[in-house]
């Protein structure tokens, strides 16, 4: 099944781009959302230690991204 899927995906990509593609399939046991990745990054920072030293029960509940135009 995996070989058939790879072959089909290569054919579709070639039809779309006109170029040959090397395609592989990997299995990832744990998938982190972008939010989870950002929360982990925040908690590894020096600032998080400072915040938690003053507010012991603090939690990250949301992440807002600003875009400037």
C-alpha atoms as a PDB file:
ATOM      1  CA  UNK A   1       0.000   0.000   0.000  1.00  0.00           C
ATOM      2  CA  UNK A   2       2.756   2.435   0.931  1.00  0.00           C
ATOM      3  CA  UNK A   3       4.519   1.895  -2.414  1.00  0.00           C
ATOM      4  CA  UNK A   4       1.287   2.536  -4.353  1.00  0.00           C
ATOM      5  CA  UNK A   5       0.658   5.734  -2.436  1.00  0.00           C
ATOM      6  CA  UNK A   6       4.208   6.968  -3.078  1.00  0.00           C
ATOM      7  CA  UNK A   7       3.909   6.184  -6.770  1.00  0.00           C
ATOM      8  CA  UNK A   8       0.575   7.944  -7.057  1.00  0.00           C
ATOM      9  CA  UNK A   9       1.866  10.993  -5.196  1.00  0.00           C
ATOM     10  CA  UNK A  10       4.949  11.174  -7.463  1.00  0.00           C
ATOM     11  CA  UNK A  11       2.707  11.009 -10.536  1.00  0.00           C
ATOM     12  CA  UNK A  12       0.404  13.738  -9.255  1.00  0.00           C
ATOM     13  CA  UNK A  13       3.320  16.016  -8.387  1.00  0.00           C
ATOM     14  CA  UNK A  14       4.880  15.429 -11.807  1.00  0.00           C
ATOM     15  CA  UNK A  15       1.575  16.202 -13.539  1.00  0.00           C
ATOM     16  CA  UNK A  16       1.257  19.391 -11.499  1.00  0.00           C
ATOM     17  CA  UNK A  17       4.836  20.703 -11.804  1.00  0.00           C
ATOM     18  CA  UNK A  18       6.407  18.866 -14.730  1.00  0.00           C
ATOM     19  CA  UNK A  19       9.326  17.885 -12.470  1.00  0.00           C
ATOM     20  CA  UNK A  20      10.336  14.596 -10.867  1.00  0.00           C
ATOM     21  CA  UNK A  21       9.876  14.379  -7.092  1.00  0.00           C
ATOM     22  CA  UNK A  22      11.451  12.165  -4.437  1.00  0.00           C
ATOM     23  CA  UNK A  23       8.699  11.308  -1.987  1.00  0.00           C
ATOM     24  CA  UNK A  24       8.953   9.481   1.320  1.00  0.00           C
ATOM     25  CA  UNK A  25       6.578   8.543   4.088  1.00  0.00           C
ATOM     26  CA  UNK A  26       7.525   8.684   7.739  1.00  0.00           C
ATOM     27  CA  UNK A  27       5.535   7.772  10.792  1.00  0.00           C
ATOM     28  CA  UNK A  28       5.494  10.286  13.608  1.00  0.00           C
ATOM     29  CA  UNK A  29       4.166   8.934  16.871  1.00  0.00           C
ATOM     30  CA  UNK A  30       3.481  12.298  18.471  1.00  0.00           C
ATOM     31  CA  UNK A  31       2.279  15.308  16.537  1.00  0.00           C
ATOM     32  CA  UNK A  32       2.535  18.721  18.180  1.00  0.00           C
ATOM     33  CA  UNK A  33       0.303  21.539  17.046  1.00  0.00           C
ATOM     34  CA  UNK A  34       1.868  24.917  16.291  1.00  0.00           C
ATOM     35  CA  UNK A  35       0.306  26.220  19.503  1.00  0.00           C
ATOM     36  CA  UNK A  36       1.912  23.432  21.553  1.00  0.00           C
ATOM     37  CA  UNK A  37       5.271  24.091  19.900  1.00  0.00           C
ATOM     38  CA  UNK A  38       5.042  27.803  20.719  1.00  0.00           C
ATOM     39  CA  UNK A  39       3.990  27.120  24.320  1.00  0.00           C
ATOM     40  CA  UNK A  40       6.976  24.786  24.748  1.00  0.00           C
ATOM     41  CA  UNK A  41       9.283  27.450  23.320  1.00  0.00           C
ATOM     42  CA  UNK A  42       7.846  30.074  25.672  1.00  0.00           C
ATOM     43  CA  UNK A  43       8.286  27.824  28.698  1.00  0.00           C
ATOM     44  CA  UNK A  44      11.950  27.243  27.841  1.00  0.00           C
ATOM     45  CA  UNK A  45      12.645  30.988  27.852  1.00  0.00           C
ATOM     46  CA  UNK A  46      14.186  32.983  30.695  1.00  0.00           C
ATOM     47  CA  UNK A  47      11.117  35.215  30.882  1.00  0.00           C
ATOM     48  CA  UNK A  48       8.847  32.261  31.746  1.00  0.00           C
ATOM     49  CA  UNK A  49      10.979  31.505  34.796  1.00  0.00           C
ATOM     50  CA  UNK A  50      10.682  35.113  35.917  1.00  0.00           C
ATOM     51  CA  UNK A  51       6.913  35.108  35.450  1.00  0.00           C
ATOM     52  CA  UNK A  52       6.396  31.805  37.280  1.00  0.00           C
ATOM     53  CA  UNK A  53       8.578  32.921  40.175  1.00  0.00           C
ATOM     54  CA  UNK A  54       6.054  35.709  40.859  1.00  0.00           C
ATOM     55  CA  UNK A  55       2.859  33.974  39.705  1.00  0.00           C
ATOM     56  CA  UNK A  56       3.112  30.272  40.586  1.00  0.00           C
ATOM     57  CA  UNK A  57      -0.191  29.149  39.033  1.00  0.00           C
ATOM     58  CA  UNK A  58       0.186  31.011  35.720  1.00  0.00           C
ATOM     59  CA  UNK A  59      -0.725  29.150  32.518  1.00  0.00           C
ATOM     60  CA  UNK A  60      -0.592  29.928  28.812  1.00  0.00           C
ATOM     61  CA  UNK A  61      -4.189  29.869  27.581  1.00  0.00           C
ATOM     62  CA  UNK A  62      -3.857  31.479  24.162  1.00  0.00           C
ATOM     63  CA  UNK A  63      -1.289  32.846  21.752  1.00  0.00           C
ATOM     64  CA  UNK A  64      -2.029  35.916  19.651  1.00  0.00           C
ATOM     65  CA  UNK A  65       0.150  36.723  16.660  1.00  0.00           C
ATOM     66  CA  UNK A  66       0.342  40.332  15.529  1.00  0.00           C
ATOM     67  CA  UNK A  67       0.976  41.247  11.937  1.00  0.00           C
ATOM     68  CA  UNK A  68       2.067  44.699  10.952  1.00  0.00           C
ATOM     69  CA  UNK A  69       1.145  46.143   7.594  1.00  0.00           C
END
